[in-house]
């Protein structure tokens, strides 16, 4: 009876924690849980409420052999402390973006976020806008460049690309000056994101084309799954790309009617997948000037950095319960780094803190599993005695558990409570840009496998290096399985106990070393607890 009451109490506590824990976290950290629907865009001309429709292009955007006449091909470089940006005439599109403060772990040079070469269409390439126009002049400074176009003596178009002095922000300001006595209508689309370099392995899984409508609906699709060309209509909040560590997101402050995605054309040298945003029709009144502005965020997928623009683009990171926990764990990781000045040590200490926090649940789970194992010989005996009567067997097994005061669910419920933290930690350690290029002991990059020994070439399963952390994990897991499985285990249980450590090592072998380091610390901590429980059980017996 007491055992049944304990089981019922455990279920009630589990439900209460799972229900009220998100509410408490949401109360103290509301910025991580704001639903996308509540985001308000501050900017002129924004509208809300038009229905979203999706249609397929029958053909791609029109090709223009010479959209800008009498225009020399030339590149211009603007830069500040954060960026080095290359812009090309005659289309005034961005060909290359370098992040000066974020180095590439492989080259130790500034990270190249965008690179389309001289032939590709860069960011802010405006489809059809400059048809039959003449490039009249270019004005440049260290942080901005302005292109002035004319279409006869009726319409002047000015495209200005400028860098913000403090934030990861690149602005495109387009002015339309109607010098005629008639209303002029124009429509155009522009490339919002392109120029991502080809990647392989785990990096490729995190490259997504993303867009968000002003009603909070989110579009997301892996870059490898894009169609040749797909147009989706609606009130566009933003559109762009998100990779494992970086985001390339364009926000049209004056509103937009649709966005499109396009995969890289096969066989085309230098062709890149891209995301674009379009305006179906723009009216320019006689003797009036219309100003359109697009803000491009090109930088790390970091909450504080992105939210600093006050555009709501941080929604690209994700919302909800697990996202909120991930943000708080990331804050704790950064705090530990400030104390220890090493992200490897910070990961180890983070693992210890979380294991200490979860220790009561872990101990309860391991004790329950140990109790269940001690009853396995008696359970097997009952199985042999009542193998032809399943109902009688179940009744006898439950009676056995009740007699010895063992809760069959005692090992599972504590693990259930730990799952939100485990999922959130996986997300943090897999995507934290802080670990990119961070070193620890022999590890040169916590965002990549530890590569204790580099091999001359690629090999099946192990790749191009021998990674020590997963091998240590196999050893720890093997001894843990030996300690867990009783001597009287059947052949199938023994085989599983032998294979599981190798399966675990195979999973983690090519994982980022920061993630492997955390789970190795977690395994050692659990093993130590399990060893203590086993010694205590022997003393008591």
Protein backbone atom coordinates (compact mmCIF):
# COMPACT_ATOMS: atom_id res chain seq x y z
CA UNK A 1 0.00 0.00 0.00
CA UNK A 2 2.83 2.35 0.91
CA UNK A 3 4.57 1.58 -2.39
CA UNK A 4 1.41 2.46 -4.35
CA UNK A 5 1.10 5.75 -2.45
CA UNK A 6 4.75 6.58 -3.28
CA UNK A 7 4.14 5.82 -6.94
CA UNK A 8 1.02 8.03 -7.00
CA UNK A 9 2.94 10.81 -5.23
CA UNK A 10 5.76 10.59 -7.78
CA UNK A 11 3.28 10.86 -10.65
CA UNK A 12 1.61 13.91 -9.07
CA UNK A 13 4.97 15.63 -8.46
CA UNK A 14 6.03 14.92 -12.05
CA UNK A 15 2.85 16.44 -13.47
CA UNK A 16 3.09 19.47 -11.19
CA UNK A 17 6.73 20.13 -12.11
CA UNK A 18 6.18 19.67 -15.84
CA UNK A 19 3.17 22.01 -15.73
CA UNK A 20 4.34 24.78 -13.41
CA UNK A 21 8.07 24.85 -14.24
CA UNK A 22 7.52 26.46 -17.69
CA UNK A 23 5.18 29.02 -16.10
CA UNK A 24 7.78 29.99 -13.49
CA UNK A 25 10.53 30.27 -16.10
CA UNK A 26 8.24 32.31 -18.33
CA UNK A 27 7.50 34.64 -15.40
CA UNK A 28 11.17 35.41 -14.71
CA UNK A 29 12.49 35.24 -18.32
CA UNK A 30 9.60 36.50 -20.49
CA UNK A 31 11.91 37.68 -23.30
CA UNK A 32 12.64 34.07 -24.29
CA UNK A 33 8.99 33.02 -24.44
CA UNK A 34 7.27 35.87 -26.29
CA UNK A 35 5.11 34.22 -28.96
CA UNK A 36 5.97 35.31 -32.51
CA UNK A 37 2.40 36.58 -32.94
CA UNK A 38 3.05 39.34 -30.41
CA UNK A 39 6.02 40.84 -32.25
CA UNK A 40 5.27 44.32 -33.59
CA UNK A 41 7.30 45.73 -36.43
CA UNK A 42 8.21 49.38 -36.14
CA UNK A 43 8.51 50.93 -39.57
CA UNK A 44 6.57 52.95 -42.08
CA UNK A 45 4.11 51.36 -44.41
CA UNK A 46 3.75 48.05 -42.59
CA UNK A 47 0.41 46.31 -42.90
CA UNK A 48 -1.00 43.25 -41.20
CA UNK A 49 -3.65 40.76 -42.04
CA UNK A 50 -3.41 39.88 -45.71
CA UNK A 51 -3.88 36.15 -46.30
CA UNK A 52 -0.91 33.98 -47.19
CA UNK A 53 -1.02 32.10 -50.46
CA UNK A 54 1.57 29.90 -52.05
CA UNK A 55 2.14 29.53 -55.77
CA UNK A 56 4.88 28.09 -57.93
CA UNK A 57 6.66 30.15 -60.55
CA UNK A 58 6.27 28.72 -64.02
CA UNK A 59 9.62 30.24 -64.91
CA UNK A 60 12.36 32.08 -63.12
CA UNK A 61 12.81 35.84 -62.87
CA UNK A 62 13.40 37.55 -66.18
CA UNK A 63 16.95 37.83 -67.43
CA UNK A 64 18.25 41.23 -68.45
CA UNK A 65 21.32 41.26 -70.67
CA UNK A 66 22.18 44.90 -69.91
CA UNK A 67 19.81 46.19 -67.22
CA UNK A 68 22.00 49.21 -66.55
CA UNK A 69 23.38 50.91 -69.64
CA UNK A 70 26.79 52.62 -69.91
CA UNK A 71 27.76 51.29 -66.48
CA UNK A 72 31.34 50.20 -65.78
CA UNK A 73 31.84 47.06 -63.69
CA UNK A 74 33.68 48.00 -60.51
CA UNK A 75 33.77 46.96 -56.86
CA UNK A 76 33.68 49.16 -53.79
CA UNK A 77 34.68 48.17 -50.25
CA UNK A 78 33.10 49.68 -47.16
CA UNK A 79 34.03 48.65 -43.63
CA UNK A 80 33.85 49.39 -39.93
CA UNK A 81 34.95 47.52 -36.81
CA UNK A 82 32.47 44.69 -37.50
CA UNK A 83 32.31 44.34 -41.29
CA UNK A 84 34.22 44.38 -44.52
CA UNK A 85 31.63 44.51 -47.32
CA UNK A 86 32.30 44.40 -51.06
CA UNK A 87 29.66 46.01 -53.33
CA UNK A 88 29.70 45.93 -57.11
CA UNK A 89 28.39 48.19 -59.83
CA UNK A 90 26.36 48.41 -61.95
CA UNK A 91 23.63 46.71 -59.82
CA UNK A 92 24.79 47.91 -56.39
CA UNK A 93 24.62 44.38 -54.93
CA UNK A 94 26.71 42.95 -52.10
CA UNK A 95 29.18 40.35 -53.33
CA UNK A 96 31.03 39.57 -50.12
CA UNK A 97 30.57 40.04 -46.36
CA UNK A 98 33.38 39.42 -43.88
CA UNK A 99 32.85 39.43 -40.11
CA UNK A 100 36.03 41.06 -38.84
CA UNK A 101 35.61 40.25 -35.13
CA UNK A 102 34.70 36.58 -35.65
CA UNK A 103 37.61 34.52 -36.94
CA UNK A 104 37.37 31.26 -38.85
CA UNK A 105 38.86 28.43 -36.70
CA UNK A 106 40.47 26.86 -39.78
CA UNK A 107 42.17 29.92 -41.26
CA UNK A 108 42.25 32.30 -38.27
CA UNK A 109 41.06 34.97 -40.73
CA UNK A 110 37.80 36.93 -40.56
CA UNK A 111 34.75 34.71 -41.18
CA UNK A 112 33.44 35.02 -44.73
CA UNK A 113 29.67 34.90 -44.37
CA UNK A 114 28.75 35.80 -47.96
CA UNK A 115 30.74 35.26 -51.14
CA UNK A 116 29.12 35.13 -54.59
CA UNK A 117 32.16 36.03 -56.68
CA UNK A 118 32.08 38.55 -59.49
CA UNK A 119 29.51 36.72 -61.62
CA UNK A 120 26.85 35.83 -59.07
CA UNK A 121 23.91 37.98 -58.06
CA UNK A 122 24.62 39.40 -54.65
CA UNK A 123 22.44 40.57 -51.80
CA UNK A 124 20.25 43.58 -52.68
CA UNK A 125 20.28 42.72 -56.37
CA UNK A 126 16.92 44.21 -57.35
CA UNK A 127 15.29 42.22 -60.11
CA UNK A 128 13.97 44.39 -62.93
CA UNK A 129 14.18 47.67 -61.05
CA UNK A 130 17.05 49.12 -63.06
CA UNK A 131 15.93 47.97 -66.50
CA UNK A 132 16.88 50.57 -69.16
CA UNK A 133 18.36 52.87 -66.52
CA UNK A 134 21.64 54.80 -66.69
CA UNK A 135 24.13 54.88 -63.83
CA UNK A 136 24.70 58.62 -63.46
CA UNK A 137 27.08 58.67 -60.53
CA UNK A 138 28.52 56.98 -57.45
CA UNK A 139 29.33 58.57 -54.11
CA UNK A 140 31.33 56.62 -51.58
CA UNK A 141 32.71 56.92 -48.06
CA UNK A 142 34.35 54.50 -45.64
CA UNK A 143 31.03 53.10 -44.42
CA UNK A 144 28.57 53.81 -47.24
CA UNK A 145 28.25 53.86 -51.01
CA UNK A 146 25.48 55.49 -53.03
CA UNK A 147 24.48 54.72 -56.63
CA UNK A 148 22.40 57.21 -58.63
CA UNK A 149 20.39 55.96 -61.64
CA UNK A 150 18.08 57.70 -64.05
CA UNK A 151 15.34 56.50 -66.37
CA UNK A 152 15.14 59.31 -68.90
CA UNK A 153 14.18 62.58 -67.23
CA UNK A 154 11.19 61.05 -65.42
CA UNK A 155 12.47 58.81 -62.63
CA UNK A 156 15.63 58.94 -60.54
CA UNK A 157 16.53 55.95 -58.37
CA UNK A 158 19.12 56.24 -55.60
CA UNK A 159 20.43 53.08 -53.91
CA UNK A 160 22.44 53.65 -50.75
CA UNK A 161 24.09 50.83 -48.80
CA UNK A 162 25.49 51.79 -45.42
CA UNK A 163 26.89 50.15 -42.30
CA UNK A 164 25.76 50.84 -38.77
CA UNK A 165 28.52 52.10 -36.49
CA UNK A 166 27.67 49.83 -33.53
CA UNK A 167 25.54 46.87 -34.60
CA UNK A 168 25.55 44.00 -37.09
CA UNK A 169 23.34 45.95 -39.42
CA UNK A 170 23.57 46.76 -43.13
CA UNK A 171 20.92 49.07 -44.54
CA UNK A 172 19.69 49.45 -48.09
CA UNK A 173 17.88 52.73 -48.63
CA UNK A 174 16.23 53.13 -52.01
CA UNK A 175 14.74 56.47 -53.04
CA UNK A 176 12.41 56.92 -56.03
CA UNK A 177 12.09 60.50 -57.28
CA UNK A 178 9.30 61.09 -59.77
CA UNK A 179 10.09 64.25 -61.76
CA UNK A 180 7.15 63.80 -64.14
CA UNK A 181 3.56 64.99 -63.89
CA UNK A 182 2.19 61.45 -63.97
CA UNK A 183 1.98 58.68 -61.39
CA UNK A 184 4.60 55.98 -61.89
CA UNK A 185 4.10 52.35 -60.87
CA UNK A 186 6.96 49.93 -60.42
CA UNK A 187 7.44 46.51 -58.89
CA UNK A 188 10.57 44.60 -58.05
CA UNK A 189 12.13 41.84 -55.98
CA UNK A 190 15.53 41.78 -54.34
CA UNK A 191 17.90 39.09 -53.13
CA UNK A 192 17.62 38.99 -49.34
CA UNK A 193 20.19 36.26 -48.63
CA UNK A 194 22.68 34.32 -50.72
CA UNK A 195 26.36 33.49 -50.97
CA UNK A 196 26.66 30.69 -48.40
CA UNK A 197 29.66 28.46 -49.00
CA UNK A 198 29.19 24.73 -49.51
CA UNK A 199 29.55 22.68 -46.32
CA UNK A 200 29.29 19.00 -45.44
CA UNK A 201 28.60 16.79 -42.45
CA UNK A 202 26.88 18.15 -39.38
CA UNK A 203 27.05 21.78 -40.57
CA UNK A 204 24.80 21.00 -43.53
CA UNK A 205 21.92 19.94 -41.25
CA UNK A 206 21.64 23.44 -39.80
CA UNK A 207 21.40 25.46 -43.03
CA UNK A 208 17.79 26.58 -43.40
CA UNK A 209 15.91 29.05 -45.54
CA UNK A 210 13.57 30.88 -43.19
CA UNK A 211 10.87 33.53 -43.38
CA UNK A 212 8.35 34.95 -40.99
CA UNK A 213 5.03 36.62 -41.73
CA UNK A 214 3.72 39.52 -39.70
CA UNK A 215 1.07 37.28 -38.14
CA UNK A 216 3.84 35.20 -36.58
CA UNK A 217 3.69 32.22 -38.96
CA UNK A 218 7.15 30.82 -39.66
CA UNK A 219 8.49 29.18 -42.83
CA UNK A 220 11.51 26.90 -42.55
CA UNK A 221 13.13 24.57 -45.05
CA UNK A 222 16.57 23.04 -45.31
CA UNK A 223 18.63 24.58 -48.07
CA UNK A 224 19.11 21.18 -49.72
CA UNK A 225 15.34 20.72 -50.02
CA UNK A 226 14.60 23.96 -51.85
CA UNK A 227 12.84 23.84 -55.19
CA UNK A 228 14.13 25.46 -58.36
CA UNK A 229 11.95 28.47 -57.57
CA UNK A 230 9.06 28.88 -55.14
CA UNK A 231 7.08 32.03 -54.38
CA UNK A 232 5.03 32.44 -51.20
CA UNK A 233 2.75 35.47 -50.81
CA UNK A 234 1.80 37.31 -47.64
CA UNK A 235 2.84 40.17 -45.37
CA UNK A 236 6.52 39.51 -44.91
CA UNK A 237 8.25 40.29 -41.64
CA UNK A 238 11.68 38.96 -42.63
CA UNK A 239 13.33 36.34 -44.82
CA UNK A 240 16.81 34.88 -45.08
CA UNK A 241 19.11 32.04 -44.09
CA UNK A 242 20.07 30.58 -40.72
CA UNK A 243 23.11 28.35 -40.34
CA UNK A 244 24.57 26.60 -37.31
CA UNK A 245 26.11 29.79 -35.95
CA UNK A 246 25.06 32.68 -38.19
CA UNK A 247 21.97 34.37 -39.59
CA UNK A 248 21.50 36.36 -42.77
CA UNK A 249 18.12 38.04 -42.40
CA UNK A 250 16.56 40.90 -44.38
CA UNK A 251 13.67 42.92 -42.94
CA UNK A 252 11.77 45.24 -45.32
CA UNK A 253 10.67 48.11 -43.07
CA UNK A 254 8.10 49.33 -45.59
CA UNK A 255 6.44 45.95 -46.00
CA UNK A 256 6.56 43.37 -48.78
CA UNK A 257 4.08 41.20 -50.66
CA UNK A 258 5.95 37.90 -50.99
CA UNK A 259 9.21 36.07 -50.60
CA UNK A 260 10.77 33.42 -52.79
CA UNK A 261 13.32 30.65 -52.37
CA UNK A 262 15.57 29.27 -55.07
CA UNK A 263 18.06 26.44 -54.97
CA UNK A 264 21.45 26.70 -56.65
CA UNK A 265 21.20 25.98 -60.35
CA UNK A 266 23.03 22.70 -61.08
CA UNK A 267 25.95 23.07 -63.45
CA UNK A 268 26.15 26.84 -63.07
CA UNK A 269 29.62 27.90 -61.84
CA UNK A 270 29.39 29.84 -58.60
CA UNK A 271 25.60 29.53 -58.41
CA UNK A 272 24.21 29.87 -54.89
CA UNK A 273 20.86 29.16 -53.29
CA UNK A 274 19.05 32.34 -52.41
CA UNK A 275 16.04 33.83 -50.68
CA UNK A 276 14.37 36.95 -52.04
CA UNK A 277 11.66 39.42 -51.06
CA UNK A 278 9.30 41.17 -53.45
CA UNK A 279 6.99 44.15 -53.81
CA UNK A 280 4.27 43.69 -56.45
CA UNK A 281 3.54 47.35 -57.05
CA UNK A 282 4.93 50.61 -55.75
CA UNK A 283 3.18 53.87 -56.62
CA UNK A 284 5.20 57.08 -56.92
CA UNK A 285 3.09 60.21 -57.12
CA UNK A 286 4.01 63.08 -59.49
CA UNK A 287 6.80 65.29 -58.14
CA UNK A 288 7.07 63.04 -55.09
CA UNK A 289 9.86 60.96 -53.52
CA UNK A 290 9.23 57.49 -52.04
CA UNK A 291 11.78 56.04 -49.62
CA UNK A 292 12.10 52.30 -49.04
CA UNK A 293 14.43 50.76 -46.45
CA UNK A 294 15.62 47.21 -45.90
CA UNK A 295 17.68 46.19 -42.85
CA UNK A 296 20.03 43.24 -43.32
CA UNK A 297 21.27 41.42 -40.24
CA UNK A 298 24.44 39.50 -41.08
CA UNK A 299 26.01 38.12 -37.92
CA UNK A 300 25.92 35.50 -35.16
CA UNK A 301 22.60 33.90 -34.21
CA UNK A 302 22.76 35.42 -30.76
CA UNK A 303 19.73 36.63 -28.82
CA UNK A 304 21.24 39.79 -27.36
CA UNK A 305 22.91 40.83 -30.61
CA UNK A 306 19.81 40.25 -32.74
CA UNK A 307 17.33 41.77 -30.30
CA UNK A 308 19.44 44.93 -30.22
CA UNK A 309 18.02 45.86 -33.65
CA UNK A 310 14.50 45.95 -32.16
CA UNK A 311 13.05 44.24 -35.25
CA UNK A 312 11.95 40.92 -33.74
CA UNK A 313 14.39 38.91 -35.89
CA UNK A 314 15.56 37.00 -32.81
CA UNK A 315 12.43 34.89 -33.37
CA UNK A 316 14.53 32.99 -35.91
CA UNK A 317 16.28 31.34 -32.94
CA UNK A 318 13.04 29.62 -31.94
CA UNK A 319 10.52 30.10 -29.15
CA UNK A 320 8.98 27.97 -26.46
CA UNK A 321 9.87 25.94 -23.40
CA UNK A 322 13.07 24.27 -24.62
CA UNK A 323 14.31 27.47 -26.27
CA UNK A 324 13.85 29.34 -23.00
CA UNK A 325 15.81 26.76 -21.01
CA UNK A 326 18.53 26.79 -23.71
CA UNK A 327 18.92 30.57 -23.37
CA UNK A 328 19.31 30.33 -19.60
CA UNK A 329 21.86 27.52 -19.86
CA UNK A 330 23.79 29.60 -22.39
CA UNK A 331 23.76 32.52 -19.95
CA UNK A 332 25.15 30.19 -17.25
CA UNK A 333 27.85 28.92 -19.64
CA UNK A 334 28.94 32.50 -20.41
CA UNK A 335 28.99 33.34 -16.68
CA UNK A 336 31.22 30.34 -15.97
CA UNK A 337 33.54 31.40 -18.78
CA UNK A 338 33.95 34.82 -17.15
CA UNK A 339 35.01 33.08 -13.93
CA UNK A 340 37.24 30.41 -15.49
CA UNK A 341 38.42 32.10 -18.71
CA UNK A 342 38.17 28.81 -20.63
CA UNK A 343 35.10 27.37 -22.32
CA UNK A 344 36.31 23.79 -21.89
CA UNK A 345 36.45 24.23 -18.13
CA UNK A 346 33.13 26.08 -18.28
CA UNK A 347 31.51 23.06 -20.00
CA UNK A 348 32.93 20.68 -17.37
CA UNK A 349 31.75 22.86 -14.47
CA UNK A 350 28.36 23.33 -16.15
CA UNK A 351 28.02 19.54 -16.34
CA UNK A 352 28.93 19.19 -12.65
CA UNK A 353 26.47 21.92 -11.59
CA UNK A 354 23.62 20.37 -13.55
CA UNK A 355 24.45 16.89 -12.26
CA UNK A 356 24.49 18.17 -8.68
CA UNK A 357 21.14 19.85 -9.31
CA UNK A 358 19.72 16.62 -10.73
CA UNK A 359 21.55 14.32 -8.28
CA UNK A 360 18.47 13.49 -6.15
CA UNK A 361 16.59 12.39 -9.27
CA UNK A 362 19.61 10.49 -10.60
CA UNK A 363 20.14 8.68 -7.29
CA UNK A 364 16.46 7.76 -7.05
CA UNK A 365 16.53 6.43 -10.60
CA UNK A 366 19.71 4.37 -10.07
CA UNK A 367 18.50 2.99 -6.71
CA UNK A 368 15.22 1.96 -8.29
CA UNK A 369 17.06 0.27 -11.16
CA UNK A 370 19.29 -1.56 -8.67
CA UNK A 371 16.25 -2.77 -6.75
CA UNK A 372 14.65 -3.97 -9.96
CA UNK A 373 17.82 -5.86 -10.89
CA UNK A 374 17.93 -7.59 -7.53
CA UNK A 375 14.46 -8.98 -8.22
CA UNK A 376 15.23 -10.18 -11.75
CA UNK A 377 16.01 -13.81 -10.70
CA UNK A 378 12.62 -14.01 -8.98
CA UNK A 379 10.91 -12.39 -11.98
CA UNK A 380 12.53 -14.92 -14.32
CA UNK A 381 11.38 -17.72 -12.04
CA UNK A 382 7.81 -16.42 -12.23
CA UNK A 383 8.06 -16.17 -16.02
CA UNK A 384 9.00 -19.84 -16.23
CA UNK A 385 6.24 -20.87 -13.82
CA UNK A 386 3.44 -18.90 -15.52
CA UNK A 387 4.62 -18.66 -19.13
CA UNK A 388 1.28 -20.02 -20.34
CA UNK A 389 -0.82 -17.66 -18.25
CA UNK A 390 0.07 -13.96 -18.96
CA UNK A 391 -2.62 -12.58 -16.66
CA UNK A 392 -1.45 -14.70 -13.73
CA UNK A 393 2.17 -13.74 -14.53
CA UNK A 394 1.46 -10.01 -14.44
CA UNK A 395 -0.45 -10.35 -11.18
CA UNK A 396 2.39 -12.31 -9.57
CA UNK A 397 5.06 -9.86 -10.77
CA UNK A 398 3.12 -6.87 -9.42
CA UNK A 399 2.65 -8.75 -6.14
CA UNK A 400 6.41 -9.36 -6.02
CA UNK A 401 7.13 -5.66 -6.53
CA UNK A 402 4.57 -4.74 -3.86
CA UNK A 403 6.01 -7.23 -1.39
CA UNK A 404 9.55 -5.88 -1.79
CA UNK A 405 8.33 -2.24 -1.99
CA UNK A 406 9.82 -1.67 -5.44
CA UNK A 407 8.30 0.86 -7.84
CA UNK A 408 8.55 -0.34 -11.49
CA UNK A 409 8.34 3.25 -12.74
CA UNK A 410 10.85 4.56 -10.21
CA UNK A 411 13.71 4.49 -12.71
CA UNK A 412 11.77 6.23 -15.48
CA UNK A 413 10.02 9.13 -13.77
CA UNK A 414 13.23 10.85 -12.56
CA UNK A 415 14.67 10.52 -16.07
CA UNK A 416 11.51 12.08 -17.50
CA UNK A 417 12.02 15.18 -15.35
CA UNK A 418 15.60 15.51 -16.63
CA UNK A 419 14.73 15.32 -20.33
CA UNK A 420 13.93 19.06 -20.87
CA UNK A 421 17.38 19.98 -19.55
CA UNK A 422 19.11 17.32 -21.67
CA UNK A 423 17.37 18.45 -24.86
CA UNK A 424 18.12 22.10 -24.14
CA UNK A 425 21.77 21.38 -23.34
CA UNK A 426 22.16 19.51 -26.60
CA UNK A 427 20.83 22.54 -28.46
CA UNK A 428 23.15 24.93 -26.58
CA UNK A 429 26.36 22.95 -26.99
CA UNK A 430 25.62 22.12 -30.61
CA UNK A 431 24.96 25.74 -31.66
CA UNK A 432 26.87 27.97 -29.21
CA UNK A 433 29.18 30.16 -31.28
CA UNK A 434 31.23 30.71 -28.13
CA UNK A 435 32.62 27.16 -28.54
CA UNK A 436 33.63 27.80 -32.16
CA UNK A 437 37.43 28.00 -32.12
CA UNK A 438 37.64 27.68 -28.31
CA UNK A 439 40.47 25.40 -27.11
CA UNK A 440 40.82 23.04 -24.14
CA UNK A 441 43.76 20.73 -23.38
CA UNK A 442 44.57 19.10 -26.75
CA UNK A 443 41.30 20.25 -28.29
CA UNK A 444 41.73 23.17 -30.68
CA UNK A 445 38.06 23.69 -31.49
CA UNK A 446 35.25 22.74 -29.09
CA UNK A 447 32.77 23.06 -31.96
CA UNK A 448 34.46 20.19 -33.87
CA UNK A 449 35.60 16.65 -32.96
CA UNK A 450 38.60 16.72 -30.58
CA UNK A 451 41.01 15.32 -33.25
CA UNK A 452 43.67 13.96 -30.87
CA UNK A 453 45.51 12.51 -33.88
CA UNK A 454 44.96 13.75 -37.44
CA UNK A 455 45.05 11.02 -40.07
CA UNK A 456 46.37 11.29 -43.64
CA UNK A 457 43.04 10.97 -45.43
CA UNK A 458 39.41 9.99 -44.81
CA UNK A 459 38.46 6.61 -43.39
CA UNK A 460 35.07 4.91 -42.93
CA UNK A 461 33.29 5.71 -39.64
CA UNK A 462 36.22 7.59 -38.06
CA UNK A 463 36.76 10.23 -40.74
CA UNK A 464 40.10 12.04 -40.80
CA UNK A 465 41.06 11.91 -37.11
CA UNK A 466 41.22 9.77 -34.00
CA UNK A 467 38.99 11.34 -31.38
CA UNK A 468 39.78 10.48 -27.77
CA UNK A 469 36.70 11.77 -25.92
CA UNK A 470 34.29 9.25 -27.51
CA UNK A 471 36.77 6.44 -26.82
CA UNK A 472 36.92 7.42 -23.14
CA UNK A 473 33.11 7.54 -23.17
CA UNK A 474 33.05 3.95 -24.46
CA UNK A 475 35.32 2.83 -21.61
CA UNK A 476 33.29 4.63 -18.92
CA UNK A 477 30.01 3.33 -20.37
CA UNK A 478 31.42 -0.20 -20.56
CA UNK A 479 32.33 -0.25 -16.85
CA UNK A 480 28.99 1.36 -16.05
CA UNK A 481 27.16 -1.41 -17.92
CA UNK A 482 29.25 -4.06 -16.11
CA UNK A 483 28.25 -2.49 -12.81
CA UNK A 484 24.59 -2.19 -13.80
CA UNK A 485 23.95 -5.64 -15.25
CA UNK A 486 23.62 -8.46 -12.75
CA UNK A 487 25.78 -11.56 -13.01
CA UNK A 488 22.71 -13.69 -13.67
CA UNK A 489 21.71 -11.64 -16.74
CA UNK A 490 20.73 -13.69 -19.78
CA UNK A 491 22.79 -13.82 -22.98
CA UNK A 492 20.70 -11.15 -24.71
CA UNK A 493 21.16 -8.72 -21.81
CA UNK A 494 24.91 -9.39 -21.75
CA UNK A 495 25.17 -8.77 -25.50
CA UNK A 496 23.29 -5.50 -25.16
CA UNK A 497 25.51 -4.45 -22.26
CA UNK A 498 28.56 -5.13 -24.42
CA UNK A 499 27.26 -3.38 -27.57
CA UNK A 500 25.66 -0.28 -26.01
CA UNK A 501 28.95 1.49 -25.12
CA UNK A 502 30.21 1.05 -28.69
CA UNK A 503 26.91 2.29 -30.08
CA UNK A 504 27.15 5.35 -27.82
CA UNK A 505 30.73 5.99 -28.92
CA UNK A 506 29.71 5.67 -32.57
CA UNK A 507 26.99 8.31 -32.09
CA UNK A 508 29.34 10.77 -30.38
CA UNK A 509 32.44 10.08 -32.47
CA UNK A 510 31.96 12.95 -34.90
CA UNK A 511 29.99 15.19 -32.54
CA UNK A 512 31.48 18.54 -31.46
CA UNK A 513 34.01 17.98 -28.69
CA UNK A 514 32.20 20.46 -26.42
CA UNK A 515 29.11 18.27 -26.52
CA UNK A 516 31.17 15.08 -26.06
CA UNK A 517 33.03 16.71 -23.15
CA UNK A 518 29.76 17.51 -21.40
CA UNK A 519 28.34 14.00 -21.78
CA UNK A 520 31.67 12.42 -20.76
CA UNK A 521 31.61 14.48 -17.55
CA UNK A 522 27.98 13.49 -17.09
CA UNK A 523 28.84 9.79 -17.58
CA UNK A 524 31.71 9.94 -15.07
CA UNK A 525 29.46 11.66 -12.52
CA UNK A 526 26.71 9.05 -12.98
CA UNK A 527 29.28 6.25 -12.78
CA UNK A 528 30.60 7.63 -9.49
CA UNK A 529 27.09 7.77 -8.03
CA UNK A 530 26.38 4.26 -9.27
CA UNK A 531 29.62 2.98 -7.75
CA UNK A 532 28.69 4.52 -4.40
CA UNK A 533 25.23 2.94 -4.52
CA UNK A 534 26.72 -0.48 -5.31
CA UNK A 535 29.22 -0.26 -2.44
CA UNK A 536 26.46 0.81 -0.06
CA UNK A 537 24.31 -2.11 -1.20
CA UNK A 538 27.16 -4.56 -0.53
CA UNK A 539 27.74 -3.15 2.97
CA UNK A 540 24.02 -3.38 3.79
CA UNK A 541 23.82 -6.94 2.54
